Amino acid sequence: MSNNQADDRYNPPGIGQNDFDEMRFDEIEVDDLFWLNESAGQDNAPYRRLDEKGMVANTRTGIVEGPFPYNKIVYMRS
């Protein structure tokens, strides 16, 4: 069987699939959006970091929560 170079190339994920980057909460800037997991859909609401103290707001409900743990892993869109 011969080597098929077209099938050997890197095949990146499709549009809208796996487009999240893993980060620690303390690495993101104030006013940046982040998600709590890397799944897409209604169950994964975006949050916005409000200040340096770790307060965050759920952008769907408008509820402010915090302080958020600084070492928690969150996901940002790439």
N, C-alpha and C. Protein backbone atom coordinates (compact mmCIF):
# COMPACT_ATOMS: atom_id res chain seq x y z
N MET A 1 0.85 -1.17 0.00
CA MET A 1 0.00 0.00 0.00
C MET A 1 0.90 1.24 0.00
N SER A 2 0.62 2.17 -0.87
CA SER A 2 1.45 3.36 -0.99
C SER A 2 1.05 4.40 0.06
N ASN A 3 1.94 5.33 0.29
CA ASN A 3 1.72 6.39 1.25
C ASN A 3 0.88 7.49 0.58
N ASN A 4 -0.24 7.86 1.18
CA ASN A 4 -1.11 8.90 0.65
C ASN A 4 -0.80 10.20 1.38
N GLN A 5 -0.09 11.12 0.73
CA GLN A 5 0.33 12.35 1.38
C GLN A 5 -0.84 13.25 1.74
N ALA A 6 -1.90 13.21 0.98
CA ALA A 6 -3.07 14.05 1.29
C ALA A 6 -3.69 13.64 2.61
N ASP A 7 -3.69 12.36 2.94
CA ASP A 7 -4.26 11.89 4.19
C ASP A 7 -3.30 12.03 5.37
N ASP A 8 -2.02 12.25 5.11
CA ASP A 8 -1.03 12.35 6.17
C ASP A 8 -0.91 13.75 6.76
N ARG A 9 -1.46 14.76 6.11
CA ARG A 9 -1.36 16.12 6.59
C ARG A 9 -2.20 16.32 7.85
N TYR A 10 -1.85 17.36 8.60
CA TYR A 10 -2.62 17.71 9.78
C TYR A 10 -4.03 18.12 9.36
N ASN A 11 -5.00 17.58 10.02
CA ASN A 11 -6.40 17.87 9.72
C ASN A 11 -6.98 18.66 10.89
N PRO A 12 -6.99 20.00 10.81
CA PRO A 12 -7.50 20.79 11.92
C PRO A 12 -8.99 20.61 12.12
N PRO A 13 -9.50 20.93 13.33
CA PRO A 13 -10.94 20.81 13.55
C PRO A 13 -11.71 21.79 12.68
N GLY A 14 -12.96 21.48 12.42
CA GLY A 14 -13.81 22.31 11.58
C GLY A 14 -14.17 23.62 12.27
N ILE A 15 -14.83 24.47 11.54
CA ILE A 15 -15.25 25.77 12.06
C ILE A 15 -16.24 25.55 13.20
N GLY A 16 -16.01 26.23 14.32
CA GLY A 16 -16.90 26.13 15.46
C GLY A 16 -16.65 24.92 16.35
N GLN A 17 -15.67 24.10 16.02
CA GLN A 17 -15.36 22.94 16.83
C GLN A 17 -14.03 23.15 17.54
N ASN A 18 -14.03 22.94 18.83
CA ASN A 18 -12.80 22.97 19.61
C ASN A 18 -12.03 24.27 19.42
N ASP A 19 -12.70 25.38 19.50
CA ASP A 19 -12.03 26.67 19.30
C ASP A 19 -11.78 27.39 20.63
N PHE A 20 -11.61 26.63 21.71
CA PHE A 20 -11.34 27.19 23.03
C PHE A 20 -9.88 26.96 23.41
N ASP A 21 -9.28 27.95 24.07
CA ASP A 21 -7.94 27.84 24.62
C ASP A 21 -8.04 27.78 26.14
N GLU A 22 -7.32 26.85 26.74
CA GLU A 22 -7.33 26.69 28.19
C GLU A 22 -6.41 27.73 28.83
N MET A 23 -6.89 28.40 29.88
CA MET A 23 -6.10 29.41 30.60
C MET A 23 -6.47 29.37 32.07
N ARG A 24 -5.58 29.90 32.90
CA ARG A 24 -5.92 30.11 34.30
C ARG A 24 -6.65 31.44 34.42
N PHE A 25 -7.57 31.53 35.38
CA PHE A 25 -8.38 32.74 35.53
C PHE A 25 -7.51 33.98 35.74
N ASP A 26 -6.42 33.86 36.50
CA ASP A 26 -5.60 35.04 36.77
C ASP A 26 -4.80 35.51 35.56
N GLU A 27 -4.80 34.76 34.46
CA GLU A 27 -4.10 35.15 33.24
C GLU A 27 -4.94 36.00 32.29
N ILE A 28 -6.25 36.06 32.53
CA ILE A 28 -7.09 36.82 31.61
C ILE A 28 -7.23 38.25 32.10
N GLU A 29 -7.49 39.14 31.18
CA GLU A 29 -7.59 40.58 31.46
C GLU A 29 -9.01 40.94 31.92
N VAL A 30 -9.11 42.06 32.60
CA VAL A 30 -10.43 42.60 32.99
C VAL A 30 -11.21 42.91 31.71
N ASP A 31 -12.48 42.63 31.71
CA ASP A 31 -13.43 42.80 30.60
C ASP A 31 -13.35 41.71 29.54
N ASP A 32 -12.46 40.71 29.70
CA ASP A 32 -12.41 39.59 28.75
C ASP A 32 -13.53 38.60 29.05
N LEU A 33 -14.00 37.95 27.98
CA LEU A 33 -14.99 36.89 28.12
C LEU A 33 -14.28 35.56 28.31
N PHE A 34 -14.90 34.67 29.11
CA PHE A 34 -14.37 33.32 29.28
C PHE A 34 -15.54 32.38 29.53
N TRP A 35 -15.28 31.09 29.38
CA TRP A 35 -16.27 30.04 29.59
C TRP A 35 -15.74 29.06 30.61
N LEU A 36 -16.64 28.37 31.32
CA LEU A 36 -16.23 27.44 32.37
C LEU A 36 -15.85 26.07 31.83
N ASN A 37 -16.29 25.72 30.64
CA ASN A 37 -15.85 24.47 29.99
C ASN A 37 -15.77 24.71 28.49
N GLU A 38 -15.27 23.74 27.78
CA GLU A 38 -15.02 23.96 26.35
C GLU A 38 -16.08 23.38 25.43
N SER A 39 -17.27 23.17 25.97
CA SER A 39 -18.36 22.69 25.12
C SER A 39 -19.15 23.89 24.60
N ALA A 40 -19.70 23.74 23.43
CA ALA A 40 -20.53 24.80 22.86
C ALA A 40 -21.99 24.51 23.17
N GLY A 41 -22.78 25.54 23.32
CA GLY A 41 -24.20 25.34 23.54
C GLY A 41 -24.76 26.16 24.67
N GLN A 42 -26.02 25.95 24.96
CA GLN A 42 -26.75 26.72 25.97
C GLN A 42 -26.28 26.44 27.39
N ASP A 43 -25.67 25.28 27.64
CA ASP A 43 -25.25 24.91 28.98
C ASP A 43 -23.94 25.57 29.40
N ASN A 44 -23.28 26.27 28.51
CA ASN A 44 -21.98 26.86 28.78
C ASN A 44 -22.07 28.37 28.55
N ALA A 45 -22.54 29.09 29.54
CA ALA A 45 -22.72 30.54 29.41
C ALA A 45 -21.38 31.27 29.47
N PRO A 46 -21.22 32.34 28.70
CA PRO A 46 -20.00 33.14 28.80
C PRO A 46 -20.04 34.03 30.04
N TYR A 47 -18.87 34.23 30.62
CA TYR A 47 -18.70 35.11 31.77
C TYR A 47 -17.76 36.24 31.39
N ARG A 48 -17.86 37.35 32.09
CA ARG A 48 -16.96 38.49 31.87
C ARG A 48 -16.26 38.80 33.18
N ARG A 49 -14.94 38.95 33.12
CA ARG A 49 -14.19 39.36 34.31
C ARG A 49 -14.40 40.85 34.52
N LEU A 50 -14.81 41.23 35.72
CA LEU A 50 -15.17 42.61 36.00
C LEU A 50 -14.06 43.44 36.63
N ASP A 51 -13.21 42.81 37.45
CA ASP A 51 -12.18 43.58 38.14
C ASP A 51 -11.01 42.68 38.53
N GLU A 52 -10.01 43.28 39.15
CA GLU A 52 -8.82 42.55 39.58
C GLU A 52 -9.08 41.70 40.82
N LYS A 53 -10.17 41.95 41.52
CA LYS A 53 -10.49 41.20 42.74
C LYS A 53 -11.10 39.84 42.44
N GLY A 54 -11.47 39.59 41.18
CA GLY A 54 -12.01 38.29 40.80
C GLY A 54 -13.51 38.25 40.66
N MET A 55 -14.15 39.39 40.62
CA MET A 55 -15.59 39.41 40.43
C MET A 55 -15.90 39.14 38.95
N VAL A 56 -16.92 38.32 38.69
CA VAL A 56 -17.30 37.96 37.33
C VAL A 56 -18.80 38.13 37.17
N ALA A 57 -19.24 38.28 35.92
CA ALA A 57 -20.67 38.39 35.62
C ALA A 57 -21.04 37.38 34.55
N ASN A 58 -22.11 36.66 34.79
CA ASN A 58 -22.67 35.77 33.79
C ASN A 58 -23.37 36.67 32.77
N THR A 59 -22.96 36.61 31.51
CA THR A 59 -23.50 37.54 30.52
C THR A 59 -24.92 37.19 30.08
N ARG A 60 -25.36 35.98 30.34
CA ARG A 60 -26.74 35.61 29.98
C ARG A 60 -27.74 36.03 31.04
N THR A 61 -27.37 35.84 32.30
CA THR A 61 -28.30 36.14 33.39
C THR A 61 -28.05 37.50 34.02
N GLY A 62 -26.84 38.05 33.87
CA GLY A 62 -26.50 39.32 34.48
C GLY A 62 -26.12 39.22 35.95
N ILE A 63 -26.05 38.00 36.48
CA ILE A 63 -25.73 37.78 37.89
C ILE A 63 -24.22 37.95 38.10
N VAL A 64 -23.85 38.76 39.09
CA VAL A 64 -22.45 38.97 39.44
C VAL A 64 -22.08 37.97 40.52
N GLU A 65 -20.96 37.29 40.33
CA GLU A 65 -20.48 36.29 41.27
C GLU A 65 -19.04 36.62 41.65
N GLY A 66 -18.59 36.06 42.75
CA GLY A 66 -17.19 36.22 43.08
C GLY A 66 -16.97 36.26 44.57
N PRO A 67 -15.75 36.32 44.96
CA PRO A 67 -14.58 36.31 44.08
C PRO A 67 -14.34 34.92 43.48
N PHE A 68 -13.88 34.92 42.25
CA PHE A 68 -13.62 33.71 41.48
C PHE A 68 -12.23 33.19 41.83
N PRO A 69 -12.01 31.87 41.95
CA PRO A 69 -10.68 31.34 42.29
C PRO A 69 -9.65 31.68 41.20
N TYR A 70 -8.53 32.26 41.61
CA TYR A 70 -7.53 32.70 40.65
C TYR A 70 -6.85 31.56 39.90
N ASN A 71 -6.76 30.39 40.50
CA ASN A 71 -6.07 29.28 39.84
C ASN A 71 -7.02 28.37 39.06
N LYS A 72 -8.29 28.72 38.96
CA LYS A 72 -9.26 27.90 38.23
C LYS A 72 -8.97 27.95 36.73
N ILE A 73 -9.09 26.80 36.08
CA ILE A 73 -8.92 26.72 34.63
C ILE A 73 -10.21 27.16 33.96
N VAL A 74 -10.11 28.12 33.06
CA VAL A 74 -11.24 28.61 32.27
C VAL A 74 -10.86 28.52 30.80
N TYR A 75 -11.80 28.80 29.94
CA TYR A 75 -11.57 28.67 28.50
C TYR A 75 -11.93 29.95 27.80
N MET A 76 -11.08 30.36 26.87
CA MET A 76 -11.32 31.55 26.05
C MET A 76 -11.38 31.14 24.59
N ARG A 77 -12.18 31.84 23.84
CA ARG A 77 -12.26 31.57 22.40
C ARG A 77 -10.99 32.03 21.71
N SER A 78 -10.53 31.22 20.78
CA SER A 78 -9.31 31.60 20.06
C SER A 78 -9.63 32.32 18.78
